[in-house]
Protein backbone atom coordinates (compact mmCIF):
# COMPACT_ATOMS: atom_id res chain seq x y z
CA MET A 1 -4.97 -4.03 -2.89
CA LEU A 2 -1.20 -4.32 -2.54
CA LEU A 3 0.07 -3.50 0.94
CA GLU A 4 3.62 -4.87 1.02
CA PHE A 5 6.04 -7.04 -0.93
CA SER A 6 9.21 -8.40 0.68
CA PHE A 7 12.03 -10.50 -0.71
CA ALA A 8 15.63 -11.49 0.04
CA ASN A 9 18.55 -13.29 -1.60
CA PHE A 10 17.31 -12.70 -5.13
CA LEU A 11 19.41 -11.28 -7.97
CA SER A 12 21.20 -8.17 -6.60
CA PHE A 13 19.31 -8.12 -3.28
CA LYS A 14 21.05 -10.08 -0.54
CA GLU A 15 19.31 -8.81 2.60
CA LYS A 16 15.55 -8.68 3.04
CA VAL A 17 13.87 -5.53 1.71
CA THR A 18 10.22 -4.49 1.88
CA PHE A 19 8.36 -2.31 -0.59
CA SER A 20 5.17 -0.84 0.88
CA MET A 21 2.16 1.01 -0.50
CA VAL A 22 0.83 1.66 3.00
CA ALA A 23 0.76 5.43 3.43
CA THR A 24 2.65 6.94 6.33
CA SER A 25 1.27 9.60 8.67
CA LEU A 26 3.41 12.34 7.13
CA LYS A 27 1.80 15.54 5.91
CA ASP A 28 2.90 16.77 2.50
CA LYS A 29 1.09 20.01 1.75
CA LYS A 30 1.48 20.04 -2.01
CA ALA A 31 0.57 16.45 -2.86
CA GLU A 32 -2.74 16.36 -1.04
CA SER A 33 -3.23 13.05 0.79
CA ALA A 34 -6.96 13.14 0.07
CA ASP A 35 -6.18 12.46 -3.59
CA THR A 36 -2.96 10.45 -3.55
CA THR A 37 -4.19 7.95 -0.94
CA PHE A 38 -7.36 5.99 -0.23
CA SER A 39 -8.77 3.83 2.56
CA ALA A 40 -9.41 0.11 2.08
CA GLY A 41 -10.71 -2.64 4.33
CA GLY A 42 -13.58 -3.07 6.76
CA GLU A 43 -13.81 -1.93 10.37
CA MET A 44 -10.02 -1.52 10.49
CA PRO A 45 -9.24 0.39 7.27
CA VAL A 46 -5.72 0.84 5.90
CA VAL A 47 -4.63 3.99 4.05
CA LEU A 48 -2.85 3.08 0.81
CA SER A 49 -1.04 4.96 -1.94
CA ARG A 50 -2.51 5.04 -5.41
CA ALA A 51 0.88 5.26 -7.14
CA CYS A 52 4.57 4.80 -6.32
CA ALA A 53 7.71 5.43 -8.35
CA VAL A 54 11.16 3.87 -7.89
CA PHE A 55 14.28 5.80 -8.89
CA GLY A 56 17.93 4.81 -8.91
CA ALA A 57 21.11 4.56 -10.93
CA ASN A 58 21.59 2.04 -13.71
CA ALA A 59 22.17 -1.47 -12.31
CA SER A 60 21.10 -0.34 -8.82
CA GLY A 61 18.29 -2.89 -8.53
CA LYS A 62 15.14 -1.17 -9.87
CA SER A 63 14.45 -3.82 -12.49
CA ASN A 64 15.32 -6.60 -10.04
CA LEU A 65 12.52 -5.42 -7.74
CA ILE A 66 10.05 -5.85 -10.60
CA LYS A 67 11.63 -9.18 -11.58
CA ALA A 68 11.16 -10.41 -8.01
CA MET A 69 7.46 -9.52 -8.20
CA SER A 70 7.19 -11.14 -11.63
CA PHE A 71 8.84 -14.36 -10.45
CA PHE A 72 6.62 -14.46 -7.36
CA LYS A 73 3.51 -14.13 -9.51
CA TRP A 74 4.61 -16.70 -12.08
CA PHE A 75 5.76 -19.34 -9.60
CA THR A 76 2.70 -18.95 -7.40
CA MET A 77 0.29 -19.31 -10.29
CA ASN A 78 2.14 -21.94 -12.32
CA SER A 79 4.48 -24.07 -10.18
CA SER A 80 1.97 -26.92 -9.88
CA LYS A 81 1.44 -27.20 -13.65
CA GLU A 82 4.47 -25.74 -15.48
CA VAL A 83 7.35 -26.98 -13.32
CA GLN A 84 7.62 -30.71 -13.90
CA ALA A 85 8.93 -33.29 -11.45
CA GLY A 86 12.71 -33.11 -11.17
CA GLU A 87 13.00 -29.74 -12.92
CA LYS A 88 14.94 -26.86 -11.43
CA ILE A 89 13.05 -23.86 -10.04
CA PRO A 90 14.17 -20.79 -12.06
CA VAL A 91 15.08 -18.69 -9.02
CA ASN A 92 18.35 -16.74 -8.92
CA SER A 93 19.93 -16.14 -5.52
CA PHE A 94 22.43 -13.37 -4.78
CA ALA A 95 25.60 -14.68 -6.42
CA LEU A 96 28.25 -12.37 -4.93
CA SER A 97 28.33 -13.99 -1.50
CA THR A 98 29.61 -17.45 -0.63
CA SER A 99 26.89 -17.83 1.99
CA SER A 100 23.86 -16.60 0.04
CA VAL A 101 24.38 -18.88 -2.96
CA ALA A 102 23.73 -21.86 -0.71
CA GLU A 103 20.59 -20.35 0.85
CA PRO A 104 17.02 -20.23 -0.48
CA SER A 105 15.43 -17.02 -1.73
CA LEU A 106 12.55 -15.53 0.24
CA PHE A 107 9.36 -13.91 -1.06
CA GLU A 108 6.31 -12.63 0.84
CA ILE A 109 3.33 -10.49 -0.10
CA VAL A 110 0.65 -8.80 1.99
CA ILE A 111 -2.55 -8.05 0.08
CA MET A 112 -6.12 -7.05 0.80
CA ILE A 113 -8.96 -8.88 -0.91
CA GLY A 114 -12.30 -7.43 0.02
CA GLU A 115 -12.04 -6.85 3.77
CA ASP A 116 -9.59 -9.72 4.38
CA THR A 117 -5.83 -9.28 4.56
CA TYR A 118 -3.69 -12.19 3.31
CA ARG A 119 0.00 -12.74 4.02
CA TYR A 120 1.51 -15.36 1.75
CA GLY A 121 5.13 -16.31 1.17
CA PHE A 122 7.68 -19.00 0.52
CA GLU A 123 11.39 -19.75 0.51
CA ALA A 124 12.76 -21.64 -2.47
CA SER A 125 16.04 -22.68 -4.02
CA ALA A 126 16.63 -24.18 -7.46
CA GLU A 127 16.09 -27.66 -6.01
CA LYS A 128 12.97 -27.30 -3.87
CA VAL A 129 10.53 -25.25 -1.82
CA HIS A 130 11.97 -25.03 1.70
CA ARG A 131 9.12 -23.21 3.47
CA GLU A 132 5.66 -21.89 2.58
CA TRP A 133 2.96 -20.14 4.59
CA LEU A 134 -0.47 -18.55 4.25
CA TYR A 135 -2.20 -16.35 6.84
CA VAL A 136 -5.48 -14.44 6.74
CA LYS A 137 -6.94 -11.71 8.94
CA ALA A 138 -10.55 -10.51 8.76
CA GLY A 139 -11.19 -6.78 8.53
CA LYS A 140 -12.96 -6.58 11.86
CA LYS A 141 -11.95 -5.15 15.19
CA ARG A 142 -10.04 -7.51 17.44
CA SER A 143 -9.56 -9.98 14.57
CA LYS A 144 -6.36 -12.00 14.78
CA GLU A 145 -4.24 -13.37 12.01
CA VAL A 146 -5.10 -17.03 11.34
CA GLU A 147 -2.48 -19.47 10.08
CA LEU A 148 -4.17 -21.40 7.25
CA PHE A 149 -1.09 -23.51 6.63
CA TYR A 150 2.62 -23.63 7.32
CA ARG A 151 5.01 -25.87 5.43
CA GLU A 152 8.58 -26.77 6.21
CA GLU A 153 10.09 -29.15 3.69
CA ASN A 154 7.50 -31.97 3.57
CA LYS A 155 5.96 -31.28 6.97
CA TYR A 156 2.68 -29.36 7.13
CA GLU A 157 0.57 -27.63 9.77
CA LEU A 158 -2.96 -27.25 8.37
CA HIS A 159 -5.91 -25.29 9.72
CA PRO A 160 -9.40 -26.84 9.45
CA ARG A 161 -10.35 -23.89 7.20
CA PHE A 162 -7.75 -25.21 4.71
CA SER A 163 -9.25 -28.70 4.62
CA ILE A 164 -8.20 -29.55 1.07
CA GLY A 165 -4.60 -29.28 2.17
CA LYS A 166 -4.97 -32.41 4.27
CA GLU A 167 -6.09 -34.40 1.25
CA LEU A 168 -3.40 -33.04 -1.06
CA THR A 169 -0.55 -33.56 1.38
CA GLY A 170 -1.91 -36.92 2.59
CA LYS A 171 -1.73 -38.26 -0.96
CA ASN A 172 1.76 -36.77 -1.51
CA MET A 173 0.46 -34.65 -4.37
CA VAL A 174 2.64 -31.62 -3.56
CA ARG A 175 6.00 -31.93 -5.31
CA ASP A 176 9.21 -30.62 -3.73
CA ASN A 177 9.53 -28.05 -6.53
CA ALA A 178 5.90 -26.83 -6.40
CA LEU A 179 3.80 -24.71 -4.06
CA LEU A 180 0.90 -26.03 -2.01
CA LEU A 181 -1.09 -22.86 -2.69
CA SER A 182 -0.58 -23.27 -6.43
CA LEU A 183 -1.89 -26.84 -6.33
CA ALA A 184 -4.76 -26.01 -3.95
CA GLY A 185 -5.86 -23.26 -6.31
CA GLN A 186 -6.20 -25.84 -9.09
CA PHE A 187 -8.66 -27.68 -6.85
CA ASN A 188 -10.72 -24.51 -6.23
CA GLU A 189 -9.66 -24.03 -2.61
CA PRO A 190 -11.26 -20.60 -1.87
CA HIS A 191 -8.34 -18.88 -0.10
CA SER A 192 -5.79 -20.07 -2.66
CA GLY A 193 -8.13 -19.17 -5.49
CA ALA A 194 -8.60 -15.66 -4.11
CA VAL A 195 -4.84 -15.07 -3.94
CA MET A 196 -4.28 -16.46 -7.44
CA LYS A 197 -7.10 -14.37 -8.93
CA TRP A 198 -5.58 -11.28 -7.27
CA LEU A 199 -2.26 -12.11 -8.93
CA ALA A 200 -3.96 -12.72 -12.28
CA ASP A 201 -5.51 -9.25 -12.02
CA THR A 202 -2.07 -7.72 -11.42
CA THR A 203 -0.27 -6.86 -14.66
CA ILE A 204 3.53 -6.83 -14.42
CA ILE A 205 5.43 -5.48 -17.43
CA THR A 206 9.17 -6.10 -17.62
CA GLY A 207 11.67 -5.64 -20.41
CA ASP A 208 11.11 -9.27 -21.37
CA SER A 209 7.34 -9.00 -21.72
CA GLU A 210 6.99 -6.45 -24.54
CA ASN A 211 5.75 -9.09 -27.00
CA GLU A 212 3.24 -10.33 -24.43
CA VAL A 213 1.94 -6.79 -23.85
CA TRP A 214 1.68 -6.19 -27.60
CA ALA A 215 -0.31 -9.42 -27.99
CA MET A 216 -2.57 -8.24 -25.15
CA ALA A 217 -3.19 -4.99 -27.04
CA LEU A 218 -4.07 -6.83 -30.26
CA LYS A 219 -6.50 -9.07 -28.39
CA ALA A 220 -8.14 -6.07 -26.75
CA MET A 221 -8.55 -4.39 -30.16
CA GLU A 222 -10.94 -7.17 -31.20
CA ASN A 223 -13.57 -5.67 -28.90
CA PRO A 224 -15.07 -2.57 -30.62
CA VAL A 225 -15.80 -0.80 -27.31
CA THR A 226 -12.28 -1.40 -26.02
CA ARG A 227 -10.79 -0.38 -29.36
CA LYS A 228 -12.56 2.97 -29.20
CA LYS A 229 -11.26 3.57 -25.69
CA MET A 230 -7.72 2.76 -26.81
CA VAL A 231 -8.06 5.12 -29.77
CA ASP A 232 -9.37 7.90 -27.53
CA PHE A 233 -6.51 7.25 -25.11
CA SER A 234 -4.02 7.59 -27.98
CA ARG A 235 -5.59 10.88 -29.06
CA TYR A 236 -5.20 12.05 -25.47
CA ALA A 237 -1.43 11.80 -25.96
CA ASP A 238 -1.46 14.07 -29.05
CA LEU A 239 0.21 11.45 -31.26
CA GLY A 240 -1.33 12.88 -34.46
CA ILE A 241 -3.36 9.73 -35.04
CA ASP A 242 -7.00 10.00 -36.17
CA ASP A 243 -7.89 6.33 -35.84
CA ILE A 244 -6.41 2.91 -35.11
CA THR A 245 -7.75 -0.27 -36.70
CA LEU A 246 -6.90 -3.95 -36.67
CA SER A 247 -6.38 -5.74 -39.99
CA ASP A 248 -4.99 -9.05 -41.19
CA SER A 249 -1.61 -7.36 -41.61
CA GLY A 250 -1.57 -5.92 -38.10
CA VAL A 251 -2.40 -2.58 -36.49
CA LEU A 252 -3.02 0.33 -38.86
CA THR A 253 -3.00 4.03 -37.95
CA SER A 254 -4.96 6.66 -39.87
CA HIS A 255 -3.66 10.19 -40.48
CA THR A 256 -5.16 13.17 -42.26
CA GLN A 257 -3.50 14.19 -45.54
CA TYR A 258 -3.55 17.90 -46.47
CA ASP A 259 -3.21 19.72 -49.77
CA ASP A 260 -0.87 22.66 -50.41
CA GLU A 261 -3.46 25.08 -49.06
CA GLY A 262 -3.70 23.24 -45.75
CA LYS A 263 -7.10 21.74 -46.44
CA GLU A 264 -7.96 18.15 -45.59
CA ALA A 265 -7.58 16.05 -48.71
CA SER A 266 -7.82 12.40 -47.67
CA ILE A 267 -6.92 9.80 -45.06
CA VAL A 268 -3.62 7.90 -45.19
CA THR A 269 -3.01 4.66 -43.30
CA PHE A 270 0.29 3.31 -42.00
CA SER A 271 1.46 0.14 -40.31
CA MET A 272 1.97 1.08 -36.68
CA THR A 273 4.98 -1.18 -36.14
CA ASP A 274 6.66 -0.15 -39.43
CA SER A 275 5.90 3.56 -39.64
CA GLU A 276 5.14 4.95 -36.18
CA SER A 277 7.76 5.92 -33.61
CA GLU A 278 8.85 3.49 -30.90
CA GLY A 279 7.29 5.84 -28.36
CA THR A 280 3.93 5.67 -30.14
CA VAL A 281 4.08 1.87 -30.26
CA LYS A 282 4.93 1.67 -26.57
CA TYR A 283 2.20 4.11 -25.56
CA PHE A 284 -0.38 2.20 -27.59
CA SER A 285 0.69 -1.15 -26.12
CA LEU A 286 0.36 0.34 -22.61
CA ALA A 287 -3.09 1.78 -23.35
CA TYR A 288 -5.03 -1.39 -22.57
CA PRO A 289 -3.22 -2.31 -19.31
CA ILE A 290 -3.66 1.29 -18.10
CA LEU A 291 -7.35 1.44 -19.01
CA ASP A 292 -8.00 -2.05 -17.62
CA ALA A 293 -6.39 -1.16 -14.30
CA LEU A 294 -8.21 2.16 -13.94
CA GLU A 295 -11.62 0.83 -14.95
CA ASN A 296 -11.46 -2.32 -12.83
CA GLY A 297 -9.39 -1.29 -9.82
CA LYS A 298 -6.46 -3.58 -10.65
CA ARG A 299 -2.70 -3.26 -10.16
CA LEU A 300 -0.27 -2.19 -12.90
CA ILE A 301 3.49 -2.60 -12.40
CA VAL A 302 5.81 -1.33 -15.15
CA ASP A 303 9.59 -1.49 -15.33
CA GLU A 304 11.44 1.28 -17.23
CA PHE A 305 8.20 3.21 -17.49
CA GLY A 306 9.90 6.31 -18.85
CA ALA A 307 11.68 4.64 -21.78
CA LYS A 308 10.55 6.16 -25.10
CA LEU A 309 7.80 8.31 -23.52
CA HIS A 310 7.83 12.09 -23.04
CA THR A 311 8.06 13.53 -19.55
CA LEU A 312 4.73 15.36 -19.75
CA LEU A 313 3.01 12.18 -20.88
CA LEU A 314 4.51 10.25 -17.96
CA GLU A 315 3.30 12.91 -15.52
CA ARG A 316 -0.22 12.80 -16.97
CA ILE A 317 -0.44 9.01 -16.68
CA VAL A 318 0.82 9.03 -13.08
CA SER A 319 -1.66 11.81 -12.31
CA LEU A 320 -4.50 9.69 -13.69
CA PHE A 321 -3.71 7.01 -11.12
CA ASN A 322 -2.80 9.47 -8.39
CA THR A 323 -6.10 11.36 -8.18
CA LYS A 324 -9.55 10.30 -7.07
CA SER A 325 -11.12 11.89 -10.16
CA GLY A 326 -9.00 9.85 -12.56
CA ASN A 327 -8.86 6.71 -10.42
CA SER A 328 -12.26 6.24 -8.80
CA ARG A 329 -11.83 2.44 -8.56
CA ASN A 330 -8.61 2.70 -6.52
CA ALA A 331 -6.27 1.06 -8.98
CA GLN A 332 -2.60 1.00 -7.96
CA LEU A 333 0.43 1.88 -10.08
CA LEU A 334 4.08 1.03 -9.45
CA VAL A 335 6.73 2.14 -11.94
CA THR A 336 10.51 2.32 -12.16
CA LEU A 337 12.09 5.15 -14.13
CA HIS A 338 15.02 7.55 -14.51
CA ASP A 339 13.07 10.69 -15.40
CA THR A 340 13.72 12.96 -12.41
CA ASN A 341 11.06 15.43 -13.56
CA LEU A 342 8.59 13.17 -11.76
CA LEU A 343 10.51 13.73 -8.52
CA SER A 344 8.12 16.50 -7.64
CA SER A 345 6.37 17.35 -4.39
CA ASN A 346 3.46 18.57 -6.52
CA LEU A 347 2.96 15.07 -7.90
CA LEU A 348 4.11 12.53 -5.28
CA ARG A 349 4.28 12.33 -1.51
CA ARG A 350 7.58 11.30 0.04
CA ASP A 351 6.22 7.83 0.88
CA GLN A 352 5.34 7.37 -2.80
CA ILE A 353 8.96 7.89 -3.87
CA TRP A 354 11.39 4.99 -3.48
CA PHE A 355 15.08 4.54 -4.26
CA THR A 356 17.37 1.62 -5.02
CA GLN A 357 21.11 1.78 -4.37
CA LYS A 358 23.94 -0.71 -4.73
CA ASN A 359 26.97 -0.80 -2.41
CA GLY A 360 30.56 -1.74 -3.17
CA ARG A 361 29.83 -5.45 -2.63
CA GLY A 362 27.14 -5.45 -5.30
CA GLU A 363 24.25 -5.56 -2.79
CA SER A 364 21.11 -3.54 -3.60
CA SER A 365 19.03 -1.76 -1.00
CA LEU A 366 15.51 -0.28 -1.23
CA TYR A 367 14.16 2.65 0.80
CA PRO A 368 11.53 5.45 0.58
CA LEU A 369 12.14 9.19 0.57
CA SER A 370 10.02 9.37 3.72
CA ASP A 371 13.03 7.93 5.58
CA TYR A 372 14.65 11.37 5.18
CA ARG A 373 13.89 14.65 6.87
CA VAL A 374 13.01 16.98 4.02
CA ARG A 375 12.16 20.70 4.15
CA SER A 376 8.65 21.57 3.04
CA ASP A 377 10.03 23.81 0.27
CA ALA A 378 12.76 21.39 -0.84
CA SER A 379 13.15 20.40 -4.49
CA TYR A 380 13.17 16.58 -4.52
CA GLU A 381 14.70 16.50 -7.98
CA LYS A 382 17.51 18.96 -7.23
CA ASP A 383 18.41 17.33 -3.92
CA TYR A 384 18.33 13.87 -5.50
CA LEU A 385 20.70 14.92 -8.29
CA LEU A 386 22.99 16.45 -5.66
CA GLY A 387 23.18 13.02 -4.02
CA LYS A 388 21.38 13.92 -0.80
CA TYR A 389 19.21 10.80 -0.95
CA GLY A 390 21.77 8.44 -2.48
CA ALA A 391 20.66 6.21 -5.36
CA THR A 392 22.65 8.21 -7.93
CA PRO A 393 25.56 6.90 -10.04
CA ILE A 394 29.15 7.72 -9.10
CA ILE A 395 30.59 8.66 -12.50
CA ASP A 396 34.34 8.85 -12.97
CA ASP A 397 36.07 11.03 -15.56
CA LEU A 398 34.81 9.45 -18.80
CA SER A 399 37.69 10.96 -20.78
CA LYS A 400 40.03 8.48 -19.11
CA ALA A 401 38.49 5.74 -21.28
CA LEU A 402 39.75 7.57 -24.39
CA LYS A 403 43.37 7.66 -23.31
């Protein structure tokens, strides 16, 4: 389960920000907490949100939050094998400050695996990893957080429970531009392996990963059981598709053809990518990640979730994750979007709604709606569009551009 993700000095975020799926103690009468949240852990359970949505103006930092998560996942899982000796680390610090460009970027995640809570993070610049740390806390009363390892440059503090670290660091096997956890995971170190498997089971979809998601959908179609589920999920969206099949030429959709009297005459097939709408293609490509997350209790993170999809469809998908009946395995969903129709107290609690905003110096900030005092009968959407929560664009007179 995802508890928190923090980062600093990355893309448009200069100062440290923390996104959290830990539910607050607030009471929202409409979005019942019994459905929108769940308890995880052992003797010391944590109440977590099933779904969160991030809103904000264009270029306010929404996508950069998802890019930070995507970079964290990629670098943690691949730095020991895909970043070669001497290569630059593809991390982008905040460029609009003379001080931040010379400083490393920071990333840290807090996750729950079984009953154990892990806190893992690192600081890295394009040249090297400056610091790295891994802590674990058992889900029992009076348990304390244990430091499994702490790294500063090429100096390491290693706990006996992280014994493989002594061998790897003693033989100078950890490169300056790679993570110890990434390398330890390759050698089947249990704590590192658990964190890396958690990341592997977390699907992050950005604007740059559409081809990857489409390839994932094609691969899933090869399984007849999964294909049927994806077809049923597409019918759920009322796309007018009777069936979806995989052929040598790609994905084919089947539609019913009618005669002049309105009677079914035959079945017509189309190429999905050539003949169906972009919204249909996107919905179909998202079908497998959504089903996989819900059926297996995984995490799904989607940037620009609302692009090309109808509002009612977006609400239904969020509701699937946000209710115990639709999400019995406690999957978690995080999306960014512009569609303010989802800013509803009937759908989301205030701690499930987050905003990004950029100031005059180009610095993004991240904060939840629960930071504000809100009337119980308030319209989140109306108040947001009125600018009461910030995170809306300041639009000048567009006609000036025509003069």
